[in-house]
């Protein structure tokens, strides 16, 4: 069995589930089924089903990552406002320089 450290990680720190071998991918999914790999093997006995679940898993992973980032930035915003660190909007040039220009 291939160790998990050899799995490709994208630039946004998410796993590329299309490169994970089937055995390891099913092992990763088995944690959601409390280790019941028999049920997983029965459900994913076709290559097409496994590919669908891979893409679905990548979407869920990305959604969770974006939600986590949103929570983090909301927390930073809350601290900044309550501690009077951020009292005004930043300039457009500063936003572009720090790659946060999408919000402005």
PDB file of N, CA and C in Angstrom:
ATOM      1  N   UNK A   1       0.836  -1.176   0.000  1.00  0.00           N
ATOM      2  CA  UNK A   1       0.000   0.000   0.000  1.00  0.00           C
ATOM      3  C   UNK A   1       0.890   1.252   0.000  1.00  0.00           C
ATOM      4  N   UNK A   2       0.498   2.260  -0.779  1.00  0.00           N
ATOM      5  CA  UNK A   2       1.245   3.504  -0.924  1.00  0.00           C
ATOM      6  C   UNK A   2       1.023   4.408   0.286  1.00  0.00           C
ATOM      7  N   UNK A   3       2.092   4.980   0.850  1.00  0.00           N
ATOM      8  CA  UNK A   3       1.898   5.886   1.982  1.00  0.00           C
ATOM      9  C   UNK A   3       1.197   7.167   1.551  1.00  0.00           C
ATOM     10  N   UNK A   4       0.457   7.759   2.476  1.00  0.00           N
ATOM     11  CA  UNK A   4      -0.311   8.963   2.170  1.00  0.00           C
ATOM     12  C   UNK A   4       0.569  10.158   1.838  1.00  0.00           C
ATOM     13  N   UNK A   5       1.819  10.163   2.276  1.00  0.00           N
ATOM     14  CA  UNK A   5       2.666  11.326   2.024  1.00  0.00           C
ATOM     15  C   UNK A   5       3.025  11.474   0.546  1.00  0.00           C
ATOM     16  N   UNK A   6       2.808  10.441  -0.272  1.00  0.00           N
ATOM     17  CA  UNK A   6       3.098  10.522  -1.699  1.00  0.00           C
ATOM     18  C   UNK A   6       1.933  11.065  -2.513  1.00  0.00           C
ATOM     19  N   UNK A   7       0.855  11.438  -1.878  1.00  0.00           N
ATOM     20  CA  UNK A   7      -0.324  11.947  -2.571  1.00  0.00           C
ATOM     21  C   UNK A   7      -0.074  13.398  -2.967  1.00  0.00           C
ATOM     22  N   UNK A   8      -0.460  13.743  -4.190  1.00  0.00           N
ATOM     23  CA  UNK A   8      -0.254  15.092  -4.710  1.00  0.00           C
ATOM     24  C   UNK A   8      -1.137  16.094  -3.975  1.00  0.00           C
ATOM     25  N   UNK A   9      -0.538  17.204  -3.568  1.00  0.00           N
ATOM     26  CA  UNK A   9      -1.259  18.288  -2.909  1.00  0.00           C
ATOM     27  C   UNK A   9      -1.238  19.495  -3.847  1.00  0.00           C
ATOM     28  N   UNK A  10      -2.395  20.125  -4.043  1.00  0.00           N
ATOM     29  CA  UNK A  10      -2.498  21.295  -4.911  1.00  0.00           C
ATOM     30  C   UNK A  10      -1.937  22.530  -4.218  1.00  0.00           C
ATOM     31  N   UNK A  11      -1.853  23.633  -4.955  1.00  0.00           N
ATOM     32  CA  UNK A  11      -1.335  24.886  -4.399  1.00  0.00           C
ATOM     33  C   UNK A  11      -2.185  25.417  -3.258  1.00  0.00           C
ATOM     34  N   UNK A  12      -3.470  25.100  -3.243  1.00  0.00           N
ATOM     35  CA  UNK A  12      -4.339  25.586  -2.170  1.00  0.00           C
ATOM     36  C   UNK A  12      -4.415  24.593  -1.008  1.00  0.00           C
ATOM     37  N   UNK A  13      -3.439  23.696  -0.919  1.00  0.00           N
ATOM     38  CA  UNK A  13      -3.322  22.701   0.153  1.00  0.00           C
ATOM     39  C   UNK A  13      -4.426  21.655   0.155  1.00  0.00           C
ATOM     40  N   UNK A  14      -5.119  21.487  -0.960  1.00  0.00           N
ATOM     41  CA  UNK A  14      -6.129  20.434  -1.040  1.00  0.00           C
ATOM     42  C   UNK A  14      -5.547  19.230  -1.775  1.00  0.00           C
ATOM     43  N   UNK A  15      -6.053  18.072  -1.452  1.00  0.00           N
ATOM     44  CA  UNK A  15      -5.574  16.833  -2.064  1.00  0.00           C
ATOM     45  C   UNK A  15      -6.205  16.667  -3.435  1.00  0.00           C
ATOM     46  N   UNK A  16      -5.407  16.227  -4.403  1.00  0.00           N
ATOM     47  CA  UNK A  16      -5.930  15.908  -5.730  1.00  0.00           C
ATOM     48  C   UNK A  16      -6.420  14.459  -5.674  1.00  0.00           C
ATOM     49  N   UNK A  17      -7.715  14.288  -5.473  1.00  0.00           N
ATOM     50  CA  UNK A  17      -8.284  12.960  -5.275  1.00  0.00           C
ATOM     51  C   UNK A  17      -8.221  12.091  -6.523  1.00  0.00           C
ATOM     52  N   UNK A  18      -7.986  12.677  -7.694  1.00  0.00           N
ATOM     53  CA  UNK A  18      -7.897  11.866  -8.914  1.00  0.00           C
ATOM     54  C   UNK A  18      -6.590  11.091  -8.972  1.00  0.00           C
ATOM     55  N   UNK A  19      -5.573  11.524  -8.230  1.00  0.00           N
ATOM     56  CA  UNK A  19      -4.281  10.835  -8.231  1.00  0.00           C
ATOM     57  C   UNK A  19      -4.127   9.823  -7.099  1.00  0.00           C
ATOM     58  N   UNK A  20      -5.100   9.766  -6.223  1.00  0.00           N
ATOM     59  CA  UNK A  20      -5.029   8.831  -5.096  1.00  0.00           C
ATOM     60  C   UNK A  20      -5.439   7.442  -5.584  1.00  0.00           C
ATOM     61  N   UNK A  21      -4.633   6.415  -5.319  1.00  0.00           N
ATOM     62  CA  UNK A  21      -5.025   5.059  -5.715  1.00  0.00           C
ATOM     63  C   UNK A  21      -6.352   4.650  -5.067  1.00  0.00           C
ATOM     64  N   UNK A  22      -7.092   3.791  -5.759  1.00  0.00           N
ATOM     65  CA  UNK A  22      -8.421   3.384  -5.292  1.00  0.00           C
ATOM     66  C   UNK A  22      -8.402   2.842  -3.864  1.00  0.00           C
ATOM     67  N   UNK A  23      -7.416   2.013  -3.547  1.00  0.00           N
ATOM     68  CA  UNK A  23      -7.361   1.404  -2.217  1.00  0.00           C
ATOM     69  C   UNK A  23      -7.229   2.474  -1.133  1.00  0.00           C
ATOM     70  N   UNK A  24      -6.359   3.444  -1.375  1.00  0.00           N
ATOM     71  CA  UNK A  24      -6.147   4.501  -0.382  1.00  0.00           C
ATOM     72  C   UNK A  24      -7.357   5.422  -0.318  1.00  0.00           C
ATOM     73  N   UNK A  25      -7.956   5.719  -1.478  1.00  0.00           N
ATOM     74  CA  UNK A  25      -9.143   6.575  -1.493  1.00  0.00           C
ATOM     75  C   UNK A  25     -10.277   5.925  -0.709  1.00  0.00           C
ATOM     76  N   UNK A  26     -10.492   4.628  -0.915  1.00  0.00           N
ATOM     77  CA  UNK A  26     -11.536   3.924  -0.168  1.00  0.00           C
ATOM     78  C   UNK A  26     -11.208   3.869   1.322  1.00  0.00           C
ATOM     79  N   UNK A  27      -9.924   3.755   1.636  1.00  0.00           N
ATOM     80  CA  UNK A  27      -9.514   3.765   3.042  1.00  0.00           C
ATOM     81  C   UNK A  27      -9.798   5.134   3.671  1.00  0.00           C
ATOM     82  N   UNK A  28      -9.552   6.212   2.907  1.00  0.00           N
ATOM     83  CA  UNK A  28      -9.848   7.558   3.402  1.00  0.00           C
ATOM     84  C   UNK A  28     -11.348   7.721   3.630  1.00  0.00           C
ATOM     85  N   UNK A  29     -12.154   7.209   2.707  1.00  0.00           N
ATOM     86  CA  UNK A  29     -13.608   7.312   2.845  1.00  0.00           C
ATOM     87  C   UNK A  29     -14.147   6.442   3.973  1.00  0.00           C
ATOM     88  N   UNK A  30     -13.440   5.371   4.273  1.00  0.00           N
ATOM     89  CA  UNK A  30     -13.933   4.451   5.299  1.00  0.00           C
ATOM     90  C   UNK A  30     -14.023   5.120   6.666  1.00  0.00           C
ATOM     91  N   UNK A  31     -13.274   6.196   6.870  1.00  0.00           N
ATOM     92  CA  UNK A  31     -13.376   6.905   8.149  1.00  0.00           C
ATOM     93  C   UNK A  31     -14.766   7.502   8.329  1.00  0.00           C
ATOM     94  N   UNK A  32     -15.416   7.868   7.222  1.00  0.00           N
ATOM     95  CA  UNK A  32     -16.786   8.393   7.297  1.00  0.00           C
ATOM     96  C   UNK A  32     -17.795   7.285   7.572  1.00  0.00           C
ATOM     97  N   UNK A  33     -17.420   6.052   7.250  1.00  0.00           N
ATOM     98  CA  UNK A  33     -18.299   4.901   7.468  1.00  0.00           C
ATOM     99  C   UNK A  33     -17.852   4.086   8.677  1.00  0.00           C
ATOM    100  N   UNK A  34     -17.110   4.711   9.569  1.00  0.00           N
ATOM    101  CA  UNK A  34     -16.607   4.045  10.779  1.00  0.00           C
ATOM    102  C   UNK A  34     -15.837   2.772  10.462  1.00  0.00           C
ATOM    103  N   UNK A  35     -15.029   2.826   9.416  1.00  0.00           N
ATOM    104  CA  UNK A  35     -14.178   1.701   9.066  1.00  0.00           C
ATOM    105  C   UNK A  35     -14.873   0.555   8.369  1.00  0.00           C
ATOM    106  N   UNK A  36     -16.115   0.716   7.959  1.00  0.00           N
ATOM    107  CA  UNK A  36     -16.873  -0.348   7.299  1.00  0.00           C
ATOM    108  C   UNK A  36     -16.521  -0.385   5.812  1.00  0.00           C
ATOM    109  N   UNK A  37     -15.381  -1.002   5.481  1.00  0.00           N
ATOM    110  CA  UNK A  37     -14.927  -1.042   4.088  1.00  0.00           C
ATOM    111  C   UNK A  37     -15.747  -2.009   3.248  1.00  0.00           C
ATOM    112  N   UNK A  38     -16.390  -2.995   3.873  1.00  0.00           N
ATOM    113  CA  UNK A  38     -17.232  -3.926   3.107  1.00  0.00           C
ATOM    114  C   UNK A  38     -18.378  -3.175   2.441  1.00  0.00           C
ATOM    115  N   UNK A  39     -18.988  -2.277   3.171  1.00  0.00           N
ATOM    116  CA  UNK A  39     -20.088  -1.487   2.613  1.00  0.00           C
ATOM    117  C   UNK A  39     -19.582  -0.583   1.484  1.00  0.00           C
ATOM    118  N   UNK A  40     -18.405   0.010   1.680  1.00  0.00           N
ATOM    119  CA  UNK A  40     -17.824   0.853   0.636  1.00  0.00           C
ATOM    120  C   UNK A  40     -17.518   0.053  -0.621  1.00  0.00           C
ATOM    121  N   UNK A  41     -16.912  -1.100  -0.461  1.00  0.00           N
ATOM    122  CA  UNK A  41     -16.585  -1.936  -1.620  1.00  0.00           C
ATOM    123  C   UNK A  41     -17.835  -2.322  -2.388  1.00  0.00           C
ATOM    124  N   UNK A  42     -18.909  -2.566  -1.675  1.00  0.00           N
ATOM    125  CA  UNK A  42     -20.178  -2.914  -2.316  1.00  0.00           C
ATOM    126  C   UNK A  42     -20.747  -1.710  -3.072  1.00  0.00           C
ATOM    127  N   UNK A  43     -20.660  -0.529  -2.464  1.00  0.00           N
ATOM    128  CA  UNK A  43     -21.202   0.677  -3.100  1.00  0.00           C
ATOM    129  C   UNK A  43     -20.378   1.128  -4.302  1.00  0.00           C
ATOM    130  N   UNK A  44     -19.077   0.988  -4.215  1.00  0.00           N
ATOM    131  CA  UNK A  44     -18.193   1.506  -5.258  1.00  0.00           C
ATOM    132  C   UNK A  44     -17.526   0.385  -6.044  1.00  0.00           C
ATOM    133  N   UNK A  45     -18.333  -0.506  -6.549  1.00  0.00           N
ATOM    134  CA  UNK A  45     -17.783  -1.618  -7.311  1.00  0.00           C
ATOM    135  C   UNK A  45     -17.567  -1.270  -8.781  1.00  0.00           C
ATOM    136  N   UNK A  46     -17.980  -0.088  -9.204  1.00  0.00           N
ATOM    137  CA  UNK A  46     -17.786   0.338 -10.586  1.00  0.00           C
ATOM    138  C   UNK A  46     -16.860   1.549 -10.621  1.00  0.00           C
ATOM    139  N   UNK A  47     -16.006   1.587 -11.639  1.00  0.00           N
ATOM    140  CA  UNK A  47     -15.048   2.682 -11.790  1.00  0.00           C
ATOM    141  C   UNK A  47     -15.761   4.038 -11.912  1.00  0.00           C
ATOM    142  N   UNK A  48     -16.896   4.052 -12.604  1.00  0.00           N
ATOM    143  CA  UNK A  48     -17.645   5.292 -12.808  1.00  0.00           C
ATOM    144  C   UNK A  48     -18.134   5.868 -11.479  1.00  0.00           C
ATOM    145  N   UNK A  49     -18.580   5.004 -10.584  1.00  0.00           N
ATOM    146  CA  UNK A  49     -19.044   5.465  -9.272  1.00  0.00           C
ATOM    147  C   UNK A  49     -17.887   6.050  -8.460  1.00  0.00           C
ATOM    148  N   UNK A  50     -16.748   5.389  -8.521  1.00  0.00           N
ATOM    149  CA  UNK A  50     -15.583   5.870  -7.779  1.00  0.00           C
ATOM    150  C   UNK A  50     -15.156   7.239  -8.302  1.00  0.00           C
ATOM    151  N   UNK A  51     -15.144   7.416  -9.620  1.00  0.00           N
ATOM    152  CA  UNK A  51     -14.761   8.705 -10.205  1.00  0.00           C
ATOM    153  C   UNK A  51     -15.734   9.807  -9.797  1.00  0.00           C
ATOM    154  N   UNK A  52     -17.031   9.486  -9.795  1.00  0.00           N
ATOM    155  CA  UNK A  52     -18.029  10.469  -9.361  1.00  0.00           C
ATOM    156  C   UNK A  52     -17.771  10.884  -7.916  1.00  0.00           C
ATOM    157  N   UNK A  53     -17.535   9.914  -7.051  1.00  0.00           N
ATOM    158  CA  UNK A  53     -17.307  10.205  -5.632  1.00  0.00           C
ATOM    159  C   UNK A  53     -16.011  10.993  -5.454  1.00  0.00           C
ATOM    160  N   UNK A  54     -14.998  10.715  -6.270  1.00  0.00           N
ATOM    161  CA  UNK A  54     -13.747  11.482  -6.211  1.00  0.00           C
ATOM    162  C   UNK A  54     -14.012  12.964  -6.487  1.00  0.00           C
ATOM    163  N   UNK A  55     -14.759  13.241  -7.555  1.00  0.00           N
ATOM    164  CA  UNK A  55     -15.047  14.629  -7.911  1.00  0.00           C
ATOM    165  C   UNK A  55     -15.949  15.289  -6.860  1.00  0.00           C
ATOM    166  N   UNK A  56     -16.914  14.546  -6.373  1.00  0.00           N
ATOM    167  CA  UNK A  56     -17.809  15.067  -5.336  1.00  0.00           C
ATOM    168  C   UNK A  56     -17.021  15.369  -4.056  1.00  0.00           C
ATOM    169  N   UNK A  57     -16.110  14.482  -3.701  1.00  0.00           N
ATOM    170  CA  UNK A  57     -15.275  14.678  -2.521  1.00  0.00           C
ATOM    171  C   UNK A  57     -14.407  15.920  -2.674  1.00  0.00           C
ATOM    172  N   UNK A  58     -13.862  16.121  -3.868  1.00  0.00           N
ATOM    173  CA  UNK A  58     -13.046  17.314  -4.115  1.00  0.00           C
ATOM    174  C   UNK A  58     -13.879  18.583  -3.954  1.00  0.00           C
ATOM    175  N   UNK A  59     -15.128  18.559  -4.436  1.00  0.00           N
ATOM    176  CA  UNK A  59     -16.004  19.724  -4.291  1.00  0.00           C
ATOM    177  C   UNK A  59     -16.336  19.997  -2.824  1.00  0.00           C
ATOM    178  N   UNK A  60     -16.651  18.950  -2.090  1.00  0.00           N
ATOM    179  CA  UNK A  60     -16.958  19.104  -0.663  1.00  0.00           C
ATOM    180  C   UNK A  60     -15.725  19.608   0.091  1.00  0.00           C
ATOM    181  N   UNK A  61     -14.562  19.079  -0.261  1.00  0.00           N
ATOM    182  CA  UNK A  61     -13.313  19.508   0.361  1.00  0.00           C
ATOM    183  C   UNK A  61     -13.070  20.992   0.100  1.00  0.00           C
ATOM    184  N   UNK A  62     -13.267  21.413  -1.134  1.00  0.00           N
ATOM    185  CA  UNK A  62     -13.072  22.823  -1.500  1.00  0.00           C
ATOM    186  C   UNK A  62     -14.082  23.723  -0.770  1.00  0.00           C
ATOM    187  N   UNK A  63     -15.337  23.283  -0.709  1.00  0.00           N
ATOM    188  CA  UNK A  63     -16.364  24.048  -0.005  1.00  0.00           C
ATOM    189  C   UNK A  63     -16.007  24.207   1.472  1.00  0.00           C
ATOM    190  N   UNK A  64     -15.558  23.137   2.091  1.00  0.00           N
ATOM    191  CA  UNK A  64     -15.174  23.194   3.507  1.00  0.00           C
ATOM    192  C   UNK A  64     -14.001  24.146   3.714  1.00  0.00           C
ATOM    193  N   UNK A  65     -13.055  24.122   2.786  1.00  0.00           N
ATOM    194  CA  UNK A  65     -11.888  25.003   2.868  1.00  0.00           C
ATOM    195  C   UNK A  65     -12.309  26.466   2.768  1.00  0.00           C
ATOM    196  N   UNK A  66     -13.214  26.774   1.845  1.00  0.00           N
ATOM    197  CA  UNK A  66     -13.689  28.148   1.670  1.00  0.00           C
ATOM    198  C   UNK A  66     -14.479  28.600   2.898  1.00  0.00           C
ATOM    199  N   UNK A  67     -15.295  27.720   3.455  1.00  0.00           N
ATOM    200  CA  UNK A  67     -16.046  28.066   4.674  1.00  0.00           C
ATOM    201  C   UNK A  67     -15.100  28.339   5.842  1.00  0.00           C
ATOM    202  N   UNK A  68     -14.044  27.538   5.943  1.00  0.00           N
ATOM    203  CA  UNK A  68     -13.059  27.749   7.000  1.00  0.00           C
ATOM    204  C   UNK A  68     -12.368  29.099   6.831  1.00  0.00           C
ATOM    205  N   UNK A  69     -12.015  29.443   5.591  1.00  0.00           N
ATOM    206  CA  UNK A  69     -11.409  30.748   5.337  1.00  0.00           C
ATOM    207  C   UNK A  69     -12.373  31.880   5.690  1.00  0.00           C
ATOM    208  N   UNK A  70     -13.645  31.706   5.348  1.00  0.00           N
ATOM    209  CA  UNK A  70     -14.639  32.729   5.664  1.00  0.00           C
ATOM    210  C   UNK A  70     -14.753  32.923   7.177  1.00  0.00           C
ATOM    211  N   UNK A  71     -14.785  31.831   7.931  1.00  0.00           N
ATOM    212  CA  UNK A  71     -14.834  31.931   9.394  1.00  0.00           C
ATOM    213  C   UNK A  71     -13.605  32.650   9.940  1.00  0.00           C
ATOM    214  N   UNK A  72     -12.457  32.323   9.381  1.00  0.00           N
ATOM    215  CA  UNK A  72     -11.219  32.950   9.832  1.00  0.00           C
ATOM    216  C   UNK A  72     -11.244  34.457   9.577  1.00  0.00           C
ATOM    217  N   UNK A  73     -11.642  34.856   8.369  1.00  0.00           N
ATOM    218  CA  UNK A  73     -11.671  36.285   8.056  1.00  0.00           C
ATOM    219  C   UNK A  73     -12.759  37.014   8.844  1.00  0.00           C
ATOM    220  N   UNK A  74     -13.877  36.370   9.103  1.00  0.00           N
ATOM    221  CA  UNK A  74     -14.904  36.984   9.948  1.00  0.00           C
ATOM    222  C   UNK A  74     -14.390  37.195  11.371  1.00  0.00           C
ATOM    223  N   UNK A  75     -13.629  36.223  11.850  1.00  0.00           N
ATOM    224  CA  UNK A  75     -13.027  36.345  13.182  1.00  0.00           C
ATOM    225  C   UNK A  75     -12.032  37.504  13.210  1.00  0.00           C
ATOM    226  N   UNK A  76     -11.162  37.572  12.199  1.00  0.00           N
ATOM    227  CA  UNK A  76     -10.205  38.681  12.120  1.00  0.00           C
ATOM    228  C   UNK A  76     -10.930  40.025  12.041  1.00  0.00           C
ATOM    229  N   UNK A  77     -11.983  40.072  11.265  1.00  0.00           N
ATOM    230  CA  UNK A  77     -12.757  41.308  11.135  1.00  0.00           C
ATOM    231  C   UNK A  77     -13.369  41.699  12.477  1.00  0.00           C
ATOM    232  N   UNK A  78     -13.946  40.721  13.169  1.00  0.00           N
ATOM    233  CA  UNK A  78     -14.555  40.981  14.475  1.00  0.00           C
ATOM    234  C   UNK A  78     -13.515  41.526  15.461  1.00  0.00           C
ATOM    235  N   UNK A  79     -12.357  40.890  15.509  1.00  0.00           N
ATOM    236  CA  UNK A  79     -11.295  41.363  16.410  1.00  0.00           C
ATOM    237  C   UNK A  79     -10.845  42.764  16.007  1.00  0.00           C
ATOM    238  N   UNK A  80     -10.670  42.974  14.715  1.00  0.00           N
ATOM    239  CA  UNK A  80     -10.223  44.283  14.243  1.00  0.00           C
ATOM    240  C   UNK A  80     -11.187  45.392  14.585  1.00  0.00           C
ATOM    241  N   UNK A  81     -12.478  45.116  14.446  1.00  0.00           N
ATOM    242  CA  UNK A  81     -13.487  46.133  14.749  1.00  0.00           C
ATOM    243  C   UNK A  81     -13.610  46.358  16.259  1.00  0.00           C
ATOM    244  N   UNK A  82     -13.689  45.281  17.032  1.00  0.00           N
ATOM    245  CA  UNK A  82     -13.883  45.436  18.482  1.00  0.00           C
ATOM    246  C   UNK A  82     -12.649  46.014  19.177  1.00  0.00           C
ATOM    247  N   UNK A  83     -11.462  45.759  18.646  1.00  0.00           N
ATOM    248  CA  UNK A  83     -10.233  46.287  19.245  1.00  0.00           C
ATOM    249  C   UNK A  83      -9.814  47.619  18.616  1.00  0.00           C
ATOM    250  N   UNK A  84     -10.647  48.119  17.696  1.00  0.00           N
ATOM    251  CA  UNK A  84     -10.384  49.388  16.999  1.00  0.00           C
ATOM    252  C   UNK A  84      -9.059  49.364  16.243  1.00  0.00           C
ATOM    253  N   UNK A  85      -8.734  48.202  15.696  1.00  0.00           N
ATOM    254  CA  UNK A  85      -7.529  48.080  14.873  1.00  0.00           C
ATOM    255  C   UNK A  85      -7.836  48.543  13.455  1.00  0.00           C
ATOM    256  N   UNK A  86      -9.000  48.139  12.957  1.00  0.00           N
ATOM    257  CA  UNK A  86      -9.420  48.525  11.611  1.00  0.00           C
ATOM    258  C   UNK A  86     -10.580  49.500  11.759  1.00  0.00           C
ATOM    259  N   UNK A  87     -10.297  50.746  11.599  1.00  0.00           N
ATOM    260  CA  UNK A  87     -11.355  51.732  11.764  1.00  0.00           C
ATOM    261  C   UNK A  87     -11.849  52.287  10.439  1.00  0.00           C
ATOM    262  N   UNK A  88     -11.144  52.008   9.352  1.00  0.00           N
ATOM    263  CA  UNK A  88     -11.579  52.512   8.058  1.00  0.00           C
ATOM    264  C   UNK A  88     -11.225  51.507   6.973  1.00  0.00           C
ATOM    265  N   UNK A  89     -11.760  51.759   5.805  1.00  0.00           N
ATOM    266  CA  UNK A  89     -11.459  50.899   4.665  1.00  0.00           C
ATOM    267  C   UNK A  89     -10.031  51.166   4.207  1.00  0.00           C
ATOM    268  N   UNK A  90      -9.410  50.139   3.653  1.00  0.00           N
ATOM    269  CA  UNK A  90      -8.055  50.327   3.147  1.00  0.00           C
ATOM    270  C   UNK A  90      -8.118  50.823   1.708  1.00  0.00           C
ATOM    271  N   UNK A  91      -7.024  51.380   1.252  1.00  0.00           N
ATOM    272  CA  UNK A  91      -6.985  51.919  -0.107  1.00  0.00           C
ATOM    273  C   UNK A  91      -6.987  50.781  -1.124  1.00  0.00           C
ATOM    274  N   UNK A  92      -7.397  51.108  -2.328  1.00  0.00           N
ATOM    275  CA  UNK A  92      -7.450  50.116  -3.399  1.00  0.00           C
ATOM    276  C   UNK A  92      -6.051  49.588  -3.721  1.00  0.00           C
ATOM    277  N   UNK A  93      -5.051  50.466  -3.683  1.00  0.00           N
ATOM    278  CA  UNK A  93      -3.674  50.058  -3.968  1.00  0.00           C
ATOM    279  C   UNK A  93      -3.168  49.056  -2.926  1.00  0.00           C
ATOM    280  N   UNK A  94      -3.474  49.300  -1.667  1.00  0.00           N
ATOM    281  CA  UNK A  94      -3.057  48.386  -0.608  1.00  0.00           C
ATOM    282  C   UNK A  94      -3.780  47.047  -0.732  1.00  0.00           C
ATOM    283  N   UNK A  95      -5.050  47.093  -1.099  1.00  0.00           N
ATOM    284  CA  UNK A  95      -5.818  45.858  -1.290  1.00  0.00           C
ATOM    285  C   UNK A  95      -5.233  45.038  -2.428  1.00  0.00           C
ATOM    286  N   UNK A  96      -4.876  45.689  -3.538  1.00  0.00           N
ATOM    287  CA  UNK A  96      -4.278  44.971  -4.671  1.00  0.00           C
ATOM    288  C   UNK A  96      -2.911  44.420  -4.301  1.00  0.00           C
ATOM    289  N   UNK A  97      -2.130  45.195  -3.575  1.00  0.00           N
ATOM    290  CA  UNK A  97      -0.787  44.768  -3.165  1.00  0.00           C
ATOM    291  C   UNK A  97      -0.849  43.511  -2.301  1.00  0.00           C
ATOM    292  N   UNK A  98      -1.857  43.402  -1.458  1.00  0.00           N
ATOM    293  CA  UNK A  98      -1.982  42.266  -0.542  1.00  0.00           C
ATOM    294  C   UNK A  98      -2.963  41.206  -1.028  1.00  0.00           C
ATOM    295  N   UNK A  99      -3.307  41.261  -2.300  1.00  0.00           N
ATOM    296  CA  UNK A  99      -4.181  40.261  -2.940  1.00  0.00           C
ATOM    297  C   UNK A  99      -5.540  40.139  -2.272  1.00  0.00           C
ATOM    298  N   UNK A 100      -6.062  41.224  -1.773  1.00  0.00           N
ATOM    299  CA  UNK A 100      -7.412  41.197  -1.214  1.00  0.00           C
ATOM    300  C   UNK A 100      -8.317  42.144  -1.985  1.00  0.00           C
ATOM    301  N   UNK A 101      -7.932  42.403  -3.235  1.00  0.00           N
ATOM    302  CA  UNK A 101      -8.663  43.373  -4.048  1.00  0.00           C
ATOM    303  C   UNK A 101     -10.021  42.847  -4.486  1.00  0.00           C
ATOM    304  N   UNK A 102     -10.283  41.565  -4.337  1.00  0.00           N
ATOM    305  CA  UNK A 102     -11.560  41.009  -4.783  1.00  0.00           C
ATOM    306  C   UNK A 102     -12.723  41.473  -3.919  1.00  0.00           C
ATOM    307  N   UNK A 103     -12.430  41.903  -2.698  1.00  0.00           N
ATOM    308  CA  UNK A 103     -13.489  42.371  -1.821  1.00  0.00           C
ATOM    309  C   UNK A 103     -13.787  43.849  -2.019  1.00  0.00           C
ATOM    310  N   UNK A 104     -12.912  44.529  -2.710  1.00  0.00           N
ATOM    311  CA  UNK A 104     -13.076  45.980  -2.860  1.00  0.00           C
ATOM    312  C   UNK A 104     -13.474  46.349  -4.262  1.00  0.00           C
TER     313      UNK A 104
END
